[in-house]
């Protein structure tokens, strides 16, 4: 299951590292510092920062990324939502206070 936080995920920097999905973001930060040469060769997916792919394969990954749909759906719902916003008719109640006196 892709949503299981206990599933094992392979580190893109060191193929011998198998990390629990819930710890994966923290591991990426740590392992990137330990493997600067590998980090230079990898590109980050614009849809999910956990997706690190070789730079030459980034275009193919973007086309097939499973998280692309979530981002596109979010953008679409935001653009549709802004058109449907109701105009507020609220008005402040009258105030008899005079702060000048």
N, C-alpha and C. Protein backbone atom coordinates (compact mmCIF):
# COMPACT_ATOMS: atom_id res chain seq x y z
N UNK A 1 0.84 -1.18 0.00
CA UNK A 1 0.00 0.00 0.00
C UNK A 1 0.89 1.24 0.00
N UNK A 2 0.65 2.13 -0.94
CA UNK A 2 1.48 3.33 -1.07
C UNK A 2 1.31 4.30 0.10
N UNK A 3 0.21 4.19 0.84
CA UNK A 3 -0.03 5.09 1.96
C UNK A 3 0.48 4.53 3.30
N UNK A 4 1.00 3.32 3.31
CA UNK A 4 1.45 2.68 4.53
C UNK A 4 2.74 3.33 5.03
N UNK A 5 2.72 3.96 6.21
CA UNK A 5 3.92 4.63 6.72
C UNK A 5 5.02 3.66 7.14
N UNK A 6 4.68 2.38 7.26
CA UNK A 6 5.67 1.38 7.67
C UNK A 6 6.34 0.68 6.50
N UNK A 7 5.90 0.95 5.28
CA UNK A 7 6.51 0.28 4.13
C UNK A 7 7.96 0.74 3.96
N UNK A 8 8.78 -0.09 3.36
CA UNK A 8 10.19 0.24 3.15
C UNK A 8 10.35 0.93 1.81
N UNK A 9 11.16 1.99 1.82
CA UNK A 9 11.45 2.77 0.62
C UNK A 9 12.96 2.77 0.42
N UNK A 10 13.38 2.61 -0.82
CA UNK A 10 14.81 2.59 -1.12
C UNK A 10 15.35 4.01 -1.25
N UNK A 11 16.47 4.27 -0.62
CA UNK A 11 17.12 5.58 -0.66
C UNK A 11 17.71 5.80 -2.06
N UNK A 12 17.50 6.98 -2.64
CA UNK A 12 18.07 7.25 -3.96
C UNK A 12 19.58 7.52 -3.93
N UNK A 13 20.11 7.82 -2.75
CA UNK A 13 21.54 8.11 -2.63
C UNK A 13 22.37 6.87 -2.37
N UNK A 14 21.82 5.92 -1.62
CA UNK A 14 22.54 4.70 -1.28
C UNK A 14 21.56 3.53 -1.42
N UNK A 15 21.77 2.69 -2.43
CA UNK A 15 20.84 1.60 -2.73
C UNK A 15 20.76 0.57 -1.61
N UNK A 16 21.68 0.59 -0.66
CA UNK A 16 21.65 -0.35 0.45
C UNK A 16 20.76 0.14 1.59
N UNK A 17 20.32 1.38 1.53
CA UNK A 17 19.47 1.94 2.57
C UNK A 17 18.01 1.64 2.26
N UNK A 18 17.33 1.00 3.19
CA UNK A 18 15.89 0.77 3.13
C UNK A 18 15.29 1.48 4.34
N UNK A 19 14.44 2.46 4.09
CA UNK A 19 13.93 3.32 5.16
C UNK A 19 12.41 3.21 5.22
N UNK A 20 11.86 3.30 6.42
CA UNK A 20 10.41 3.34 6.57
C UNK A 20 9.89 4.63 5.93
N UNK A 21 8.76 4.55 5.27
CA UNK A 21 8.20 5.70 4.55
C UNK A 21 8.00 6.91 5.47
N UNK A 22 7.64 6.67 6.71
CA UNK A 22 7.40 7.79 7.63
C UNK A 22 8.69 8.54 7.98
N UNK A 23 9.83 7.89 7.85
CA UNK A 23 11.13 8.51 8.16
C UNK A 23 11.86 8.98 6.90
N UNK A 24 11.32 8.68 5.75
CA UNK A 24 12.01 8.93 4.48
C UNK A 24 12.41 10.39 4.27
N UNK A 25 11.53 11.38 4.50
CA UNK A 25 11.96 12.77 4.29
C UNK A 25 13.16 13.17 5.14
N UNK A 26 13.19 12.70 6.38
CA UNK A 26 14.31 13.03 7.27
C UNK A 26 15.59 12.35 6.78
N UNK A 27 15.44 11.12 6.32
CA UNK A 27 16.59 10.38 5.81
C UNK A 27 17.17 11.07 4.57
N UNK A 28 16.31 11.55 3.68
CA UNK A 28 16.79 12.22 2.47
C UNK A 28 17.69 13.40 2.80
N UNK A 29 17.28 14.20 3.76
CA UNK A 29 18.07 15.38 4.15
C UNK A 29 19.44 14.94 4.66
N UNK A 30 19.43 13.96 5.54
CA UNK A 30 20.67 13.47 6.14
C UNK A 30 21.58 12.81 5.11
N UNK A 31 20.99 11.96 4.28
CA UNK A 31 21.79 11.19 3.33
C UNK A 31 22.32 12.07 2.19
N UNK A 32 21.58 13.13 1.86
CA UNK A 32 22.05 14.05 0.82
C UNK A 32 23.38 14.68 1.23
N UNK A 33 23.51 15.03 2.49
CA UNK A 33 24.75 15.63 3.00
C UNK A 33 25.90 14.62 2.96
N UNK A 34 25.58 13.35 3.18
CA UNK A 34 26.61 12.31 3.19
C UNK A 34 27.03 11.86 1.80
N UNK A 35 26.21 12.17 0.80
CA UNK A 35 26.49 11.73 -0.58
C UNK A 35 26.36 12.92 -1.55
N UNK A 36 27.24 13.91 -1.43
CA UNK A 36 27.11 15.11 -2.28
C UNK A 36 27.27 14.84 -3.77
N UNK A 37 28.09 13.88 -4.14
CA UNK A 37 28.28 13.58 -5.58
C UNK A 37 27.02 12.98 -6.18
N UNK A 38 26.39 12.07 -5.47
CA UNK A 38 25.14 11.47 -5.95
C UNK A 38 24.04 12.53 -6.02
N UNK A 39 24.03 13.43 -5.03
CA UNK A 39 23.02 14.49 -4.98
C UNK A 39 23.09 15.40 -6.20
N UNK A 40 24.29 15.65 -6.70
CA UNK A 40 24.45 16.50 -7.88
C UNK A 40 23.85 15.87 -9.13
N UNK A 41 23.77 14.56 -9.16
CA UNK A 41 23.28 13.85 -10.34
C UNK A 41 21.77 13.63 -10.32
N UNK A 42 21.13 13.94 -9.19
CA UNK A 42 19.70 13.69 -9.06
C UNK A 42 18.92 15.00 -9.14
N UNK A 43 17.73 14.91 -9.70
CA UNK A 43 16.83 16.06 -9.80
C UNK A 43 15.59 15.78 -8.95
N UNK A 44 15.00 16.82 -8.41
CA UNK A 44 13.82 16.70 -7.57
C UNK A 44 12.56 16.91 -8.40
N UNK A 45 11.62 16.03 -8.24
CA UNK A 45 10.33 16.12 -8.93
C UNK A 45 9.60 17.37 -8.47
N UNK A 46 9.01 18.14 -9.39
CA UNK A 46 8.28 19.34 -8.98
C UNK A 46 6.95 19.04 -8.29
N UNK A 47 6.48 17.79 -8.37
CA UNK A 47 5.21 17.41 -7.77
C UNK A 47 5.36 16.76 -6.40
N UNK A 48 6.54 16.18 -6.12
CA UNK A 48 6.77 15.50 -4.85
C UNK A 48 8.27 15.51 -4.57
N UNK A 49 8.67 16.22 -3.54
CA UNK A 49 10.10 16.36 -3.22
C UNK A 49 10.74 15.05 -2.79
N UNK A 50 9.93 14.04 -2.52
CA UNK A 50 10.48 12.73 -2.17
C UNK A 50 10.92 11.95 -3.40
N UNK A 51 10.51 12.41 -4.57
CA UNK A 51 10.90 11.75 -5.81
C UNK A 51 12.21 12.37 -6.32
N UNK A 52 13.28 11.62 -6.21
CA UNK A 52 14.59 12.05 -6.71
C UNK A 52 14.96 11.09 -7.84
N UNK A 53 15.17 11.64 -9.02
CA UNK A 53 15.47 10.82 -10.19
C UNK A 53 16.71 11.36 -10.88
N UNK A 54 17.40 10.51 -11.64
CA UNK A 54 18.54 11.03 -12.40
C UNK A 54 18.10 12.20 -13.29
N UNK A 55 18.93 13.21 -13.38
CA UNK A 55 18.56 14.42 -14.10
C UNK A 55 18.10 14.15 -15.53
N UNK A 56 18.75 13.20 -16.20
CA UNK A 56 18.39 12.92 -17.58
C UNK A 56 17.02 12.25 -17.72
N UNK A 57 16.46 11.75 -16.61
CA UNK A 57 15.15 11.08 -16.64
C UNK A 57 14.03 11.94 -16.05
N UNK A 58 14.34 13.16 -15.66
CA UNK A 58 13.34 14.01 -15.03
C UNK A 58 12.14 14.26 -15.94
N UNK A 59 12.37 14.52 -17.20
CA UNK A 59 11.26 14.76 -18.14
C UNK A 59 10.31 13.58 -18.21
N UNK A 60 10.86 12.38 -18.31
CA UNK A 60 10.01 11.17 -18.34
C UNK A 60 9.26 11.01 -17.03
N UNK A 61 9.93 11.30 -15.92
CA UNK A 61 9.28 11.17 -14.62
C UNK A 61 8.11 12.15 -14.49
N UNK A 62 8.30 13.38 -14.94
CA UNK A 62 7.24 14.39 -14.84
C UNK A 62 6.00 13.94 -15.60
N UNK A 63 6.20 13.34 -16.76
CA UNK A 63 5.07 12.88 -17.57
C UNK A 63 4.31 11.77 -16.87
N UNK A 64 5.02 10.89 -16.17
CA UNK A 64 4.38 9.71 -15.57
C UNK A 64 4.20 9.81 -14.05
N UNK A 65 4.56 10.90 -13.44
CA UNK A 65 4.50 11.02 -11.97
C UNK A 65 3.08 10.83 -11.47
N UNK A 66 2.94 9.96 -10.48
CA UNK A 66 1.62 9.68 -9.92
C UNK A 66 1.07 10.85 -9.11
N UNK A 67 1.93 11.73 -8.64
CA UNK A 67 1.48 12.87 -7.83
C UNK A 67 1.10 14.08 -8.68
N UNK A 68 1.36 14.02 -9.97
CA UNK A 68 1.02 15.13 -10.86
C UNK A 68 -0.49 15.39 -10.84
N UNK A 69 -1.26 14.35 -10.80
CA UNK A 69 -2.72 14.49 -10.79
C UNK A 69 -3.23 15.24 -9.58
N UNK A 70 -2.61 15.00 -8.41
CA UNK A 70 -3.03 15.69 -7.19
C UNK A 70 -2.79 17.19 -7.31
N UNK A 71 -1.65 17.56 -7.84
CA UNK A 71 -1.31 18.98 -7.98
C UNK A 71 -2.22 19.64 -9.00
N UNK A 72 -2.43 18.98 -10.13
CA UNK A 72 -3.32 19.53 -11.17
C UNK A 72 -4.74 19.67 -10.65
N UNK A 73 -5.21 18.68 -9.89
CA UNK A 73 -6.56 18.73 -9.33
C UNK A 73 -6.67 19.88 -8.33
N UNK A 74 -5.64 20.09 -7.53
CA UNK A 74 -5.65 21.17 -6.55
C UNK A 74 -5.68 22.52 -7.25
N UNK A 75 -4.90 22.68 -8.29
CA UNK A 75 -4.88 23.93 -9.05
C UNK A 75 -6.25 24.19 -9.68
N UNK A 76 -6.83 23.15 -10.24
CA UNK A 76 -8.14 23.28 -10.87
C UNK A 76 -9.20 23.67 -9.85
N UNK A 77 -9.18 23.02 -8.69
CA UNK A 77 -10.19 23.33 -7.68
C UNK A 77 -10.00 24.75 -7.13
N UNK A 78 -8.77 25.22 -7.04
CA UNK A 78 -8.53 26.58 -6.57
C UNK A 78 -9.02 27.59 -7.59
N UNK A 79 -8.79 27.33 -8.87
CA UNK A 79 -9.23 28.28 -9.90
C UNK A 79 -10.74 28.29 -10.01
N UNK A 80 -11.37 27.14 -9.88
CA UNK A 80 -12.84 27.08 -9.92
C UNK A 80 -13.43 27.70 -8.67
N UNK A 81 -12.78 27.49 -7.55
CA UNK A 81 -13.27 28.03 -6.28
C UNK A 81 -13.24 29.54 -6.26
N UNK A 82 -12.25 30.14 -6.89
CA UNK A 82 -12.16 31.60 -6.88
C UNK A 82 -13.27 32.23 -7.71
N UNK A 83 -13.78 31.51 -8.71
CA UNK A 83 -14.87 32.03 -9.53
C UNK A 83 -16.20 31.93 -8.80
N UNK A 84 -16.31 30.99 -7.86
CA UNK A 84 -17.56 30.75 -7.17
C UNK A 84 -17.67 31.51 -5.86
N UNK A 85 -16.69 32.28 -5.50
CA UNK A 85 -16.73 32.98 -4.22
C UNK A 85 -17.91 33.94 -4.19
N UNK A 86 -18.64 33.87 -3.12
CA UNK A 86 -19.78 34.75 -2.96
C UNK A 86 -19.30 36.14 -2.54
N UNK A 87 -20.01 37.14 -2.99
CA UNK A 87 -19.69 38.50 -2.62
C UNK A 87 -20.31 38.76 -1.25
N UNK A 88 -19.52 39.24 -0.33
CA UNK A 88 -20.00 39.48 1.02
C UNK A 88 -20.91 40.71 1.04
N UNK A 89 -22.03 40.58 1.74
CA UNK A 89 -22.95 41.71 1.89
C UNK A 89 -22.91 42.24 3.32
N UNK A 90 -21.95 41.77 4.12
CA UNK A 90 -21.84 42.20 5.51
C UNK A 90 -21.49 43.67 5.58
N UNK A 91 -22.15 44.34 6.52
CA UNK A 91 -21.85 45.75 6.77
C UNK A 91 -21.67 45.93 8.26
N UNK A 92 -20.77 46.81 8.61
CA UNK A 92 -20.53 47.09 10.02
C UNK A 92 -21.76 47.74 10.64
N UNK A 93 -22.10 47.39 11.88
CA UNK A 93 -23.26 48.03 12.52
C UNK A 93 -22.95 49.50 12.81
N UNK A 94 -23.98 50.31 12.90
CA UNK A 94 -23.74 51.74 13.19
C UNK A 94 -23.11 51.90 14.57
N UNK A 95 -22.27 52.89 14.67
CA UNK A 95 -21.55 53.13 15.92
C UNK A 95 -21.81 54.57 16.36
N UNK A 96 -22.25 54.71 17.61
CA UNK A 96 -22.54 56.04 18.14
C UNK A 96 -21.38 56.64 18.91
N UNK A 97 -20.28 55.90 19.05
CA UNK A 97 -19.13 56.40 19.81
C UNK A 97 -18.41 57.50 19.03
N UNK A 98 -17.97 58.50 19.75
CA UNK A 98 -17.20 59.57 19.15
C UNK A 98 -15.87 59.63 19.91
N UNK A 99 -14.85 59.14 19.36
CA UNK A 99 -13.55 59.06 20.03
C UNK A 99 -12.88 60.43 20.12
N UNK A 100 -13.37 61.38 19.42
CA UNK A 100 -12.79 62.71 19.42
C UNK A 100 -13.21 63.50 20.67
N UNK A 101 -14.32 63.11 21.28
CA UNK A 101 -14.80 63.87 22.44
C UNK A 101 -14.41 63.23 23.74
